[in-house]
Amino acid sequence: MNCRILVVDDDDGIREVLKVMLKDYEVVEAADGYEAVKLYEVMKPDLVFMDIYMPKMDGVEATREILKKDPKAIIIGITAFAKSRKAEMLEAGAKDVIEKPFTRKILKEIIEKYILTTKR
């Protein structure tokens, strides 16, 4: 099953790790929230993994912007600071927030929960 995933993180290394972990899927990358909003409109991904702390536009604001354009967007927050901003990310409309570091198994479970079960 083809699944397009937008990975948003200002850290090149994190994006690279996510690409490797998500090698079974089509992965599109954005380095900040502003770029994520623009790419979302063009690429229409099935799922977004969104870092919370980023320059230009953080993940909370980017989540709000994407959901204004597509209320059905599935956005998963990713952060090393889940305790401090998890509630804010969920209030913005993210379906879930996972904490760094995460495993490939956790990413697969998220994809299974939010994408694969709804596309069958």
PDB file of N, CA and C in Angstrom:
ATOM      1  N   MET A   1       0.841  -1.187   0.000  1.00  0.00           N
ATOM      2  CA  MET A   1       0.000   0.000   0.000  1.00  0.00           C
ATOM      3  C   MET A   1       0.877   1.238   0.000  1.00  0.00           C
ATOM      4  N   ASN A   2       0.592   2.130  -0.918  1.00  0.00           N
ATOM      5  CA  ASN A   2       1.397   3.352  -0.992  1.00  0.00           C
ATOM      6  C   ASN A   2       0.863   4.389  -0.004  1.00  0.00           C
ATOM      7  N   CYS A   3       1.764   4.906   0.776  1.00  0.00           N
ATOM      8  CA  CYS A   3       1.400   5.879   1.799  1.00  0.00           C
ATOM      9  C   CYS A   3       2.419   7.010   1.738  1.00  0.00           C
ATOM     10  N   ARG A   4       1.942   8.241   1.613  1.00  0.00           N
ATOM     11  CA  ARG A   4       2.834   9.404   1.555  1.00  0.00           C
ATOM     12  C   ARG A   4       2.874  10.064   2.928  1.00  0.00           C
ATOM     13  N   ILE A   5       4.100  10.255   3.427  1.00  0.00           N
ATOM     14  CA  ILE A   5       4.286  10.821   4.759  1.00  0.00           C
ATOM     15  C   ILE A   5       5.157  12.068   4.668  1.00  0.00           C
ATOM     16  N   LEU A   6       4.708  13.135   5.292  1.00  0.00           N
ATOM     17  CA  LEU A   6       5.483  14.373   5.387  1.00  0.00           C
ATOM     18  C   LEU A   6       6.191  14.378   6.731  1.00  0.00           C
ATOM     19  N   VAL A   7       7.515  14.480   6.692  1.00  0.00           N
ATOM     20  CA  VAL A   7       8.351  14.521   7.885  1.00  0.00           C
ATOM     21  C   VAL A   7       8.839  15.955   8.057  1.00  0.00           C
ATOM     22  N   VAL A   8       8.516  16.564   9.199  1.00  0.00           N
ATOM     23  CA  VAL A   8       8.867  17.960   9.438  1.00  0.00           C
ATOM     24  C   VAL A   8       9.741  18.066  10.676  1.00  0.00           C
ATOM     25  N   ASP A   9      10.987  18.501  10.484  1.00  0.00           N
ATOM     26  CA  ASP A   9      11.913  18.689  11.604  1.00  0.00           C
ATOM     27  C   ASP A   9      13.034  19.600  11.130  1.00  0.00           C
ATOM     28  N   ASP A  10      13.455  20.515  11.977  1.00  0.00           N
ATOM     29  CA  ASP A  10      14.534  21.430  11.597  1.00  0.00           C
ATOM     30  C   ASP A  10      15.910  20.771  11.684  1.00  0.00           C
ATOM     31  N   ASP A  11      15.978  19.588  12.255  1.00  0.00           N
ATOM     32  CA  ASP A  11      17.234  18.858  12.389  1.00  0.00           C
ATOM     33  C   ASP A  11      17.387  17.882  11.214  1.00  0.00           C
ATOM     34  N   ASP A  12      18.389  18.133  10.362  1.00  0.00           N
ATOM     35  CA  ASP A  12      18.635  17.266   9.201  1.00  0.00           C
ATOM     36  C   ASP A  12      18.811  15.805   9.620  1.00  0.00           C
ATOM     37  N   GLY A  13      19.509  15.580  10.726  1.00  0.00           N
ATOM     38  CA  GLY A  13      19.765  14.230  11.212  1.00  0.00           C
ATOM     39  C   GLY A  13      18.496  13.487  11.571  1.00  0.00           C
ATOM     40  N   ILE A  14      17.576  14.176  12.230  1.00  0.00           N
ATOM     41  CA  ILE A  14      16.291  13.557  12.610  1.00  0.00           C
ATOM     42  C   ILE A  14      15.496  13.208  11.348  1.00  0.00           C
ATOM     43  N   ARG A  15      15.461  14.133  10.380  1.00  0.00           N
ATOM     44  CA  ARG A  15      14.749  13.848   9.126  1.00  0.00           C
ATOM     45  C   ARG A  15      15.355  12.634   8.425  1.00  0.00           C
ATOM     46  N   GLU A  16      16.678  12.544   8.433  1.00  0.00           N
ATOM     47  CA  GLU A  16      17.362  11.417   7.793  1.00  0.00           C
ATOM     48  C   GLU A  16      17.018  10.104   8.495  1.00  0.00           C
ATOM     49  N   VAL A  17      17.022  10.108   9.826  1.00  0.00           N
ATOM     50  CA  VAL A  17      16.661   8.909  10.596  1.00  0.00           C
ATOM     51  C   VAL A  17      15.214   8.508  10.296  1.00  0.00           C
ATOM     52  N   LEU A  18      14.324   9.479  10.258  1.00  0.00           N
ATOM     53  CA  LEU A  18      12.921   9.185   9.952  1.00  0.00           C
ATOM     54  C   LEU A  18      12.774   8.597   8.554  1.00  0.00           C
ATOM     55  N   LYS A  19      13.503   9.138   7.592  1.00  0.00           N
ATOM     56  CA  LYS A  19      13.447   8.597   6.224  1.00  0.00           C
ATOM     57  C   LYS A  19      13.869   7.132   6.199  1.00  0.00           C
ATOM     58  N   VAL A  20      14.916   6.802   6.931  1.00  0.00           N
ATOM     59  CA  VAL A  20      15.384   5.413   6.988  1.00  0.00           C
ATOM     60  C   VAL A  20      14.327   4.537   7.677  1.00  0.00           C
ATOM     61  N   MET A  21      13.799   5.018   8.793  1.00  0.00           N
ATOM     62  CA  MET A  21      12.782   4.250   9.535  1.00  0.00           C
ATOM     63  C   MET A  21      11.509   4.052   8.712  1.00  0.00           C
ATOM     64  N   LEU A  22      11.219   5.004   7.832  1.00  0.00           N
ATOM     65  CA  LEU A  22       9.987   4.968   7.036  1.00  0.00           C
ATOM     66  C   LEU A  22      10.264   4.580   5.588  1.00  0.00           C
ATOM     67  N   LYS A  23      11.308   3.793   5.367  1.00  0.00           N
ATOM     68  CA  LYS A  23      11.744   3.459   4.012  1.00  0.00           C
ATOM     69  C   LYS A  23      10.682   2.721   3.180  1.00  0.00           C
ATOM     70  N   ASP A  24       9.703   2.132   3.831  1.00  0.00           N
ATOM     71  CA  ASP A  24       8.642   1.420   3.125  1.00  0.00           C
ATOM     72  C   ASP A  24       7.573   2.358   2.567  1.00  0.00           C
ATOM     73  N   TYR A  25       7.708   3.637   2.823  1.00  0.00           N
ATOM     74  CA  TYR A  25       6.703   4.626   2.424  1.00  0.00           C
ATOM     75  C   TYR A  25       7.344   5.740   1.598  1.00  0.00           C
ATOM     76  N   GLU A  26       6.506   6.488   0.927  1.00  0.00           N
ATOM     77  CA  GLU A  26       6.991   7.664   0.206  1.00  0.00           C
ATOM     78  C   GLU A  26       7.122   8.788   1.235  1.00  0.00           C
ATOM     79  N   VAL A  27       8.335   9.306   1.411  1.00  0.00           N
ATOM     80  CA  VAL A  27       8.580  10.330   2.426  1.00  0.00           C
ATOM     81  C   VAL A  27       8.945  11.651   1.761  1.00  0.00           C
ATOM     82  N   VAL A  28       8.281  12.710   2.209  1.00  0.00           N
ATOM     83  CA  VAL A  28       8.561  14.071   1.777  1.00  0.00           C
ATOM     84  C   VAL A  28       9.056  14.809   3.014  1.00  0.00           C
ATOM     85  N   GLU A  29      10.047  15.697   2.854  1.00  0.00           N
ATOM     86  CA  GLU A  29      10.648  16.380   4.001  1.00  0.00           C
ATOM     87  C   GLU A  29      10.416  17.885   3.977  1.00  0.00           C
ATOM     88  N   ALA A  30      10.284  18.456   5.167  1.00  0.00           N
ATOM     89  CA  ALA A  30      10.243  19.907   5.350  1.00  0.00           C
ATOM     90  C   ALA A  30      11.112  20.251   6.553  1.00  0.00           C
ATOM     91  N   ALA A  31      11.807  21.393   6.476  1.00  0.00           N
ATOM     92  CA  ALA A  31      12.748  21.783   7.531  1.00  0.00           C
ATOM     93  C   ALA A  31      12.144  22.730   8.566  1.00  0.00           C
ATOM     94  N   ASP A  32      10.940  23.239   8.311  1.00  0.00           N
ATOM     95  CA  ASP A  32      10.272  24.111   9.282  1.00  0.00           C
ATOM     96  C   ASP A  32       8.771  24.103   9.011  1.00  0.00           C
ATOM     97  N   GLY A  33       8.023  24.702   9.912  1.00  0.00           N
ATOM     98  CA  GLY A  33       6.570  24.704   9.794  1.00  0.00           C
ATOM     99  C   GLY A  33       6.055  25.424   8.569  1.00  0.00           C
ATOM    100  N   TYR A  34       6.701  26.499   8.199  1.00  0.00           N
ATOM    101  CA  TYR A  34       6.283  27.265   7.020  1.00  0.00           C
ATOM    102  C   TYR A  34       6.392  26.392   5.763  1.00  0.00           C
ATOM    103  N   GLU A  35       7.536  25.729   5.623  1.00  0.00           N
ATOM    104  CA  GLU A  35       7.751  24.831   4.485  1.00  0.00           C
ATOM    105  C   GLU A  35       6.748  23.671   4.525  1.00  0.00           C
ATOM    106  N   ALA A  36       6.437  23.192   5.714  1.00  0.00           N
ATOM    107  CA  ALA A  36       5.482  22.085   5.880  1.00  0.00           C
ATOM    108  C   ALA A  36       4.100  22.462   5.358  1.00  0.00           C
ATOM    109  N   VAL A  37       3.640  23.650   5.688  1.00  0.00           N
ATOM    110  CA  VAL A  37       2.315  24.103   5.238  1.00  0.00           C
ATOM    111  C   VAL A  37       2.282  24.162   3.713  1.00  0.00           C
ATOM    112  N   LYS A  38       3.315  24.724   3.107  1.00  0.00           N
ATOM    113  CA  LYS A  38       3.386  24.830   1.644  1.00  0.00           C
ATOM    114  C   LYS A  38       3.436  23.443   0.995  1.00  0.00           C
ATOM    115  N   LEU A  39       4.287  22.558   1.525  1.00  0.00           N
ATOM    116  CA  LEU A  39       4.412  21.212   0.966  1.00  0.00           C
ATOM    117  C   LEU A  39       3.131  20.406   1.151  1.00  0.00           C
ATOM    118  N   TYR A  40       2.468  20.597   2.281  1.00  0.00           N
ATOM    119  CA  TYR A  40       1.226  19.861   2.534  1.00  0.00           C
ATOM    120  C   TYR A  40       0.212  20.155   1.427  1.00  0.00           C
ATOM    121  N   GLU A  41       0.095  21.430   1.070  1.00  0.00           N
ATOM    122  CA  GLU A  41      -0.875  21.822   0.041  1.00  0.00           C
ATOM    123  C   GLU A  41      -0.587  21.147  -1.296  1.00  0.00           C
ATOM    124  N   VAL A  42       0.689  21.021  -1.634  1.00  0.00           N
ATOM    125  CA  VAL A  42       1.085  20.452  -2.923  1.00  0.00           C
ATOM    126  C   VAL A  42       1.066  18.925  -2.901  1.00  0.00           C
ATOM    127  N   MET A  43       1.616  18.330  -1.846  1.00  0.00           N
ATOM    128  CA  MET A  43       1.820  16.878  -1.788  1.00  0.00           C
ATOM    129  C   MET A  43       0.627  16.091  -1.241  1.00  0.00           C
ATOM    130  N   LYS A  44      -0.218  16.706  -0.457  1.00  0.00           N
ATOM    131  CA  LYS A  44      -1.382  16.042   0.159  1.00  0.00           C
ATOM    132  C   LYS A  44      -0.998  14.694   0.788  1.00  0.00           C
ATOM    133  N   PRO A  45      -0.081  14.728   1.772  1.00  0.00           N
ATOM    134  CA  PRO A  45       0.348  13.465   2.394  1.00  0.00           C
ATOM    135  C   PRO A  45      -0.767  12.821   3.213  1.00  0.00           C
ATOM    136  N   ASP A  46      -0.619  11.514   3.437  1.00  0.00           N
ATOM    137  CA  ASP A  46      -1.588  10.767   4.240  1.00  0.00           C
ATOM    138  C   ASP A  46      -1.393  11.032   5.728  1.00  0.00           C
ATOM    139  N   LEU A  47      -0.147  11.372   6.103  1.00  0.00           N
ATOM    140  CA  LEU A  47       0.191  11.554   7.512  1.00  0.00           C
ATOM    141  C   LEU A  47       1.359  12.530   7.613  1.00  0.00           C
ATOM    142  N   VAL A  48       1.373  13.290   8.700  1.00  0.00           N
ATOM    143  CA  VAL A  48       2.469  14.235   8.947  1.00  0.00           C
ATOM    144  C   VAL A  48       3.084  13.938  10.313  1.00  0.00           C
ATOM    145  N   PHE A  49       4.402  13.752  10.343  1.00  0.00           N
ATOM    146  CA  PHE A  49       5.137  13.712  11.605  1.00  0.00           C
ATOM    147  C   PHE A  49       5.746  15.099  11.776  1.00  0.00           C
ATOM    148  N   MET A  50       5.279  15.850  12.778  1.00  0.00           N
ATOM    149  CA  MET A  50       5.597  17.272  12.946  1.00  0.00           C
ATOM    150  C   MET A  50       6.365  17.535  14.239  1.00  0.00           C
ATOM    151  N   ASP A  51       7.611  18.001  14.081  1.00  0.00           N
ATOM    152  CA  ASP A  51       8.371  18.443  15.251  1.00  0.00           C
ATOM    153  C   ASP A  51       7.651  19.652  15.851  1.00  0.00           C
ATOM    154  N   ILE A  52       7.784  19.867  17.134  1.00  0.00           N
ATOM    155  CA  ILE A  52       7.102  21.001  17.761  1.00  0.00           C
ATOM    156  C   ILE A  52       7.983  22.241  17.769  1.00  0.00           C
ATOM    157  N   TYR A  53       9.227  22.109  18.212  1.00  0.00           N
ATOM    158  CA  TYR A  53      10.125  23.268  18.295  1.00  0.00           C
ATOM    159  C   TYR A  53      10.895  23.441  16.993  1.00  0.00           C
ATOM    160  N   MET A  54      10.574  24.502  16.236  1.00  0.00           N
ATOM    161  CA  MET A  54      11.271  24.798  14.983  1.00  0.00           C
ATOM    162  C   MET A  54      11.306  26.302  14.766  1.00  0.00           C
ATOM    163  N   PRO A  55      12.299  26.783  13.983  1.00  0.00           N
ATOM    164  CA  PRO A  55      12.348  28.208  13.658  1.00  0.00           C
ATOM    165  C   PRO A  55      11.282  28.571  12.618  1.00  0.00           C
ATOM    166  N   LYS A  56      11.107  29.830  12.380  1.00  0.00           N
ATOM    167  CA  LYS A  56      10.159  30.400  11.405  1.00  0.00           C
ATOM    168  C   LYS A  56       8.711  30.175  11.816  1.00  0.00           C
ATOM    169  N   MET A  57       8.284  28.918  11.867  1.00  0.00           N
ATOM    170  CA  MET A  57       6.928  28.578  12.307  1.00  0.00           C
ATOM    171  C   MET A  57       7.034  27.255  13.058  1.00  0.00           C
ATOM    172  N   ASP A  58       6.624  27.240  14.328  1.00  0.00           N
ATOM    173  CA  ASP A  58       6.749  25.996  15.094  1.00  0.00           C
ATOM    174  C   ASP A  58       5.655  25.000  14.707  1.00  0.00           C
ATOM    175  N   GLY A  59       5.758  23.804  15.259  1.00  0.00           N
ATOM    176  CA  GLY A  59       4.828  22.745  14.903  1.00  0.00           C
ATOM    177  C   GLY A  59       3.393  22.996  15.311  1.00  0.00           C
ATOM    178  N   VAL A  60       3.196  23.703  16.401  1.00  0.00           N
ATOM    179  CA  VAL A  60       1.834  24.018  16.857  1.00  0.00           C
ATOM    180  C   VAL A  60       1.146  24.931  15.840  1.00  0.00           C
ATOM    181  N   GLU A  61       1.833  25.994  15.443  1.00  0.00           N
ATOM    182  CA  GLU A  61       1.264  26.934  14.471  1.00  0.00           C
ATOM    183  C   GLU A  61       1.075  26.259  13.109  1.00  0.00           C
ATOM    184  N   ALA A  62       2.049  25.467  12.682  1.00  0.00           N
ATOM    185  CA  ALA A  62       1.949  24.771  11.396  1.00  0.00           C
ATOM    186  C   ALA A  62       0.775  23.790  11.408  1.00  0.00           C
ATOM    187  N   THR A  63       0.564  23.107  12.527  1.00  0.00           N
ATOM    188  CA  THR A  63      -0.562  22.181  12.653  1.00  0.00           C
ATOM    189  C   THR A  63      -1.878  22.938  12.475  1.00  0.00           C
ATOM    190  N   ARG A  64      -2.000  24.073  13.136  1.00  0.00           N
ATOM    191  CA  ARG A  64      -3.226  24.882  13.001  1.00  0.00           C
ATOM    192  C   ARG A  64      -3.448  25.308  11.551  1.00  0.00           C
ATOM    193  N   GLU A  65      -2.370  25.746  10.881  1.00  0.00           N
ATOM    194  CA  GLU A  65      -2.467  26.216   9.496  1.00  0.00           C
ATOM    195  C   GLU A  65      -2.878  25.083   8.550  1.00  0.00           C
ATOM    196  N   ILE A  66      -2.278  23.924   8.724  1.00  0.00           N
ATOM    197  CA  ILE A  66      -2.624  22.781   7.864  1.00  0.00           C
ATOM    198  C   ILE A  66      -4.073  22.374   8.082  1.00  0.00           C
ATOM    199  N   LEU A  67      -4.502  22.329   9.337  1.00  0.00           N
ATOM    200  CA  LEU A  67      -5.874  21.915   9.630  1.00  0.00           C
ATOM    201  C   LEU A  67      -6.911  22.934   9.158  1.00  0.00           C
ATOM    202  N   LYS A  68      -6.533  24.196   9.047  1.00  0.00           N
ATOM    203  CA  LYS A  68      -7.449  25.197   8.461  1.00  0.00           C
ATOM    204  C   LYS A  68      -7.717  24.853   7.000  1.00  0.00           C
ATOM    205  N   LYS A  69      -6.682  24.385   6.304  1.00  0.00           N
ATOM    206  CA  LYS A  69      -6.791  24.052   4.884  1.00  0.00           C
ATOM    207  C   LYS A  69      -7.384  22.667   4.657  1.00  0.00           C
ATOM    208  N   ASP A  70      -7.088  21.746   5.576  1.00  0.00           N
ATOM    209  CA  ASP A  70      -7.567  20.369   5.468  1.00  0.00           C
ATOM    210  C   ASP A  70      -7.900  19.831   6.858  1.00  0.00           C
ATOM    211  N   PRO A  71      -9.149  20.000   7.281  1.00  0.00           N
ATOM    212  CA  PRO A  71      -9.549  19.561   8.624  1.00  0.00           C
ATOM    213  C   PRO A  71      -9.368  18.058   8.874  1.00  0.00           C
ATOM    214  N   LYS A  72      -9.197  17.274   7.814  1.00  0.00           N
ATOM    215  CA  LYS A  72      -9.020  15.826   7.967  1.00  0.00           C
ATOM    216  C   LYS A  72      -7.554  15.421   8.030  1.00  0.00           C
ATOM    217  N   ALA A  73      -6.645  16.377   7.995  1.00  0.00           N
ATOM    218  CA  ALA A  73      -5.208  16.070   8.048  1.00  0.00           C
ATOM    219  C   ALA A  73      -4.878  15.283   9.316  1.00  0.00           C
ATOM    220  N   ILE A  74      -3.994  14.306   9.166  1.00  0.00           N
ATOM    221  CA  ILE A  74      -3.557  13.497  10.307  1.00  0.00           C
ATOM    222  C   ILE A  74      -2.142  13.933  10.651  1.00  0.00           C
ATOM    223  N   ILE A  75      -2.017  14.627  11.776  1.00  0.00           N
ATOM    224  CA  ILE A  75      -0.733  15.180  12.202  1.00  0.00           C
ATOM    225  C   ILE A  75      -0.346  14.570  13.547  1.00  0.00           C
ATOM    226  N   ILE A  76       0.884  14.070  13.599  1.00  0.00           N
ATOM    227  CA  ILE A  76       1.423  13.471  14.819  1.00  0.00           C
ATOM    228  C   ILE A  76       2.591  14.344  15.264  1.00  0.00           C
ATOM    229  N   GLY A  77       2.520  14.882  16.466  1.00  0.00           N
ATOM    230  CA  GLY A  77       3.613  15.691  16.994  1.00  0.00           C
ATOM    231  C   GLY A  77       4.778  14.810  17.401  1.00  0.00           C
ATOM    232  N   ILE A  78       6.003  15.296  17.137  1.00  0.00           N
ATOM    233  CA  ILE A  78       7.200  14.599  17.616  1.00  0.00           C
ATOM    234  C   ILE A  78       8.057  15.617  18.358  1.00  0.00           C
ATOM    235  N   THR A  79       8.497  15.244  19.553  1.00  0.00           N
ATOM    236  CA  THR A  79       9.261  16.188  20.356  1.00  0.00           C
ATOM    237  C   THR A  79      10.068  15.488  21.436  1.00  0.00           C
ATOM    238  N   ALA A  80      11.116  16.132  21.844  1.00  0.00           N
ATOM    239  CA  ALA A  80      11.873  15.665  23.003  1.00  0.00           C
ATOM    240  C   ALA A  80      11.325  16.310  24.278  1.00  0.00           C
ATOM    241  N   PHE A  81      10.354  17.223  24.101  1.00  0.00           N
ATOM    242  CA  PHE A  81       9.800  17.991  25.222  1.00  0.00           C
ATOM    243  C   PHE A  81       8.299  17.755  25.360  1.00  0.00           C
ATOM    244  N   ALA A  82       7.893  16.497  25.312  1.00  0.00           N
ATOM    245  CA  ALA A  82       6.462  16.169  25.319  1.00  0.00           C
ATOM    246  C   ALA A  82       5.734  16.717  26.538  1.00  0.00           C
ATOM    247  N   LYS A  83       6.400  16.696  27.685  1.00  0.00           N
ATOM    248  CA  LYS A  83       5.713  17.132  28.902  1.00  0.00           C
ATOM    249  C   LYS A  83       5.329  18.604  28.845  1.00  0.00           C
ATOM    250  N   SER A  84       6.175  19.419  28.246  1.00  0.00           N
ATOM    251  CA  SER A  84       5.901  20.855  28.261  1.00  0.00           C
ATOM    252  C   SER A  84       4.944  21.318  27.162  1.00  0.00           C
ATOM    253  N   ARG A  85       4.889  20.615  26.007  1.00  0.00           N
ATOM    254  CA  ARG A  85       4.064  21.127  24.912  1.00  0.00           C
ATOM    255  C   ARG A  85       3.075  20.128  24.323  1.00  0.00           C
ATOM    256  N   LYS A  86       2.987  18.954  24.909  1.00  0.00           N
ATOM    257  CA  LYS A  86       2.079  17.945  24.370  1.00  0.00           C
ATOM    258  C   LYS A  86       0.639  18.447  24.337  1.00  0.00           C
ATOM    259  N   ALA A  87       0.162  18.993  25.433  1.00  0.00           N
ATOM    260  CA  ALA A  87      -1.223  19.468  25.506  1.00  0.00           C
ATOM    261  C   ALA A  87      -1.478  20.550  24.461  1.00  0.00           C
ATOM    262  N   GLU A  88      -0.529  21.451  24.296  1.00  0.00           N
ATOM    263  CA  GLU A  88      -0.670  22.529  23.308  1.00  0.00           C
ATOM    264  C   GLU A  88      -0.767  21.967  21.884  1.00  0.00           C
ATOM    265  N   MET A  89       0.029  20.955  21.590  1.00  0.00           N
ATOM    266  CA  MET A  89       0.009  20.333  20.263  1.00  0.00           C
ATOM    267  C   MET A  89      -1.315  19.617  20.024  1.00  0.00           C
ATOM    268  N   LEU A  90      -1.809  18.924  21.041  1.00  0.00           N
ATOM    269  CA  LEU A  90      -3.095  18.233  20.912  1.00  0.00           C
ATOM    270  C   LEU A  90      -4.242  19.228  20.760  1.00  0.00           C
ATOM    271  N   GLU A  91      -4.191  20.329  21.499  1.00  0.00           N
ATOM    272  CA  GLU A  91      -5.214  21.371  21.372  1.00  0.00           C
ATOM    273  C   GLU A  91      -5.208  21.988  19.977  1.00  0.00           C
ATOM    274  N   ALA A  92      -4.041  22.053  19.351  1.00  0.00           N
ATOM    275  CA  ALA A  92      -3.932  22.603  17.991  1.00  0.00           C
ATOM    276  C   ALA A  92      -4.554  21.660  16.962  1.00  0.00           C
ATOM    277  N   GLY A  93      -4.746  20.398  17.356  1.00  0.00           N
ATOM    278  CA  GLY A  93      -5.405  19.447  16.462  1.00  0.00           C
ATOM    279  C   GLY A  93      -4.613  18.213  16.110  1.00  0.00           C
ATOM    280  N   ALA A  94      -3.407  18.061  16.652  1.00  0.00           N
ATOM    281  CA  ALA A  94      -2.636  16.839  16.400  1.00  0.00           C
ATOM    282  C   ALA A  94      -3.390  15.643  16.968  1.00  0.00           C
ATOM    283  N   LYS A  95      -3.296  14.512  16.277  1.00  0.00           N
ATOM    284  CA  LYS A  95      -3.976  13.295  16.734  1.00  0.00           C
ATOM    285  C   LYS A  95      -3.247  12.645  17.898  1.00  0.00           C
ATOM    286  N   ASP A  96      -1.921  12.853  17.948  1.00  0.00           N
ATOM    287  CA  ASP A  96      -1.103  12.196  18.958  1.00  0.00           C
ATOM    288  C   ASP A  96       0.225  12.935  19.042  1.00  0.00           C
ATOM    289  N   VAL A  97       0.981  12.689  20.098  1.00  0.00           N
ATOM    290  CA  VAL A  97       2.335  13.236  20.244  1.00  0.00           C
ATOM    291  C   VAL A  97       3.221  12.097  20.716  1.00  0.00           C
ATOM    292  N   ILE A  98       4.331  11.890  19.997  1.00  0.00           N
ATOM    293  CA  ILE A  98       5.292  10.872  20.421  1.00  0.00           C
ATOM    294  C   ILE A  98       6.589  11.568  20.818  1.00  0.00           C
ATOM    295  N   GLU A  99       7.265  10.947  21.766  1.00  0.00           N
ATOM    296  CA  GLU A  99       8.464  11.565  22.329  1.00  0.00           C
ATOM    297  C   GLU A  99       9.732  10.994  21.699  1.00  0.00           C
ATOM    298  N   LYS A 100      10.664  11.891  21.377  1.00  0.00           N
ATOM    299  CA  LYS A 100      11.991  11.471  20.906  1.00  0.00           C
ATOM    300  C   LYS A 100      12.773  10.994  22.118  1.00  0.00           C
ATOM    301  N   PRO A 101      13.587   9.989  22.000  1.00  0.00           N
ATOM    302  CA  PRO A 101      13.769   9.158  20.807  1.00  0.00           C
ATOM    303  C   PRO A 101      12.653   8.121  20.699  1.00  0.00           C
ATOM    304  N   PHE A 102      12.269   7.815  19.480  1.00  0.00           N
ATOM    305  CA  PHE A 102      11.237   6.807  19.252  1.00  0.00           C
ATOM    306  C   PHE A 102      11.831   5.706  18.388  1.00  0.00           C
ATOM    307  N   THR A 103      11.104   4.601  18.292  1.00  0.00           N
ATOM    308  CA  THR A 103      11.580   3.454  17.521  1.00  0.00           C
ATOM    309  C   THR A 103      10.785   3.310  16.228  1.00  0.00           C
ATOM    310  N   ARG A 104      11.314   2.501  15.338  1.00  0.00           N
ATOM    311  CA  ARG A 104      10.601   2.212  14.090  1.00  0.00           C
ATOM    312  C   ARG A 104       9.262   1.546  14.412  1.00  0.00           C
ATOM    313  N   LYS A 105       9.259   0.708  15.433  1.00  0.00           N
ATOM    314  CA  LYS A 105       8.030   0.017  15.852  1.00  0.00           C
ATOM    315  C   LYS A 105       6.939   1.031  16.225  1.00  0.00           C
ATOM    316  N   ILE A 106       7.304   2.080  16.962  1.00  0.00           N
ATOM    317  CA  ILE A 106       6.326   3.107  17.347  1.00  0.00           C
ATOM    318  C   ILE A 106       5.780   3.812  16.102  1.00  0.00           C
ATOM    319  N   LEU A 107       6.657   4.152  15.160  1.00  0.00           N
ATOM    320  CA  LEU A 107       6.214   4.809  13.924  1.00  0.00           C
ATOM    321  C   LEU A 107       5.253   3.904  13.154  1.00  0.00           C
ATOM    322  N   LYS A 108       5.588   2.622  13.046  1.00  0.00           N
ATOM    323  CA  LYS A 108       4.727   1.666  12.333  1.00  0.00           C
ATOM    324  C   LYS A 108       3.364   1.547  13.023  1.00  0.00           C
ATOM    325  N   GLU A 109       3.370   1.544  14.364  1.00  0.00           N
ATOM    326  CA  GLU A 109       2.101   1.466  15.102  1.00  0.00           C
ATOM    327  C   GLU A 109       1.231   2.698  14.826  1.00  0.00           C
ATOM    328  N   ILE A 110       1.853   3.862  14.764  1.00  0.00           N
ATOM    329  CA  ILE A 110       1.117   5.096  14.461  1.00  0.00           C
ATOM    330  C   ILE A 110       0.511   5.018  13.059  1.00  0.00           C
ATOM    331  N   ILE A 111       1.318   4.589  12.093  1.00  0.00           N
ATOM    332  CA  ILE A 111       0.833   4.469  10.707  1.00  0.00           C
ATOM    333  C   ILE A 111      -0.310   3.461  10.641  1.00  0.00           C
ATOM    334  N   GLU A 112      -0.154   2.347  11.318  1.00  0.00           N
ATOM    335  CA  GLU A 112      -1.205   1.316  11.344  1.00  0.00           C
ATOM    336  C   GLU A 112      -2.493   1.880  11.956  1.00  0.00           C
ATOM    337  N   LYS A 113      -2.348   2.585  13.053  1.00  0.00           N
ATOM    338  CA  LYS A 113      -3.508   3.125  13.766  1.00  0.00           C
ATOM    339  C   LYS A 113      -4.255   4.191  12.966  1.00  0.00           C
ATOM    340  N   TYR A 114      -3.507   5.122  12.372  1.00  0.00           N
ATOM    341  CA  TYR A 114      -4.159   6.272  11.748  1.00  0.00           C
ATOM    342  C   TYR A 114      -4.338   6.190  10.239  1.00  0.00           C
ATOM    343  N   ILE A 115      -3.550   5.345   9.559  1.00  0.00           N
ATOM    344  CA  ILE A 115      -3.629   5.298   8.104  1.00  0.00           C
ATOM    345  C   ILE A 115      -4.130   3.957   7.581  1.00  0.00           C
ATOM    346  N   LEU A 116      -3.395   2.917   7.886  1.00  0.00           N
ATOM    347  CA  LEU A 116      -3.689   1.621   7.262  1.00  0.00           C
ATOM    348  C   LEU A 116      -5.075   1.103   7.607  1.00  0.00           C
ATOM    349  N   THR A 117      -5.540   1.330   8.815  1.00  0.00           N
ATOM    350  CA  THR A 117      -6.874   0.851   9.196  1.00  0.00           C
ATOM    351  C   THR A 117      -7.973   1.615   8.474  1.00  0.00           C
ATOM    352  N   THR A 118      -7.732   2.880   8.117  1.00  0.00           N
ATOM    353  CA  THR A 118      -8.769   3.668   7.438  1.00  0.00           C
ATOM    354  C   THR A 118      -8.733   3.507   5.927  1.00  0.00           C
ATOM    355  N   LYS A 119      -7.639   2.960   5.363  1.00  0.00           N
ATOM    356  CA  LYS A 119      -7.519   2.823   3.901  1.00  0.00           C
ATOM    357  C   LYS A 119      -7.895   1.433   3.402  1.00  0.00           C
ATOM    358  N   ARG A 120      -8.198   0.544   4.310  1.00  0.00           N
ATOM    359  CA  ARG A 120      -8.530  -0.837   3.881  1.00  0.00           C
ATOM    360  C   ARG A 120      -9.898  -0.898   3.274  1.00  0.00           C
TER     361      ARG A 120
END
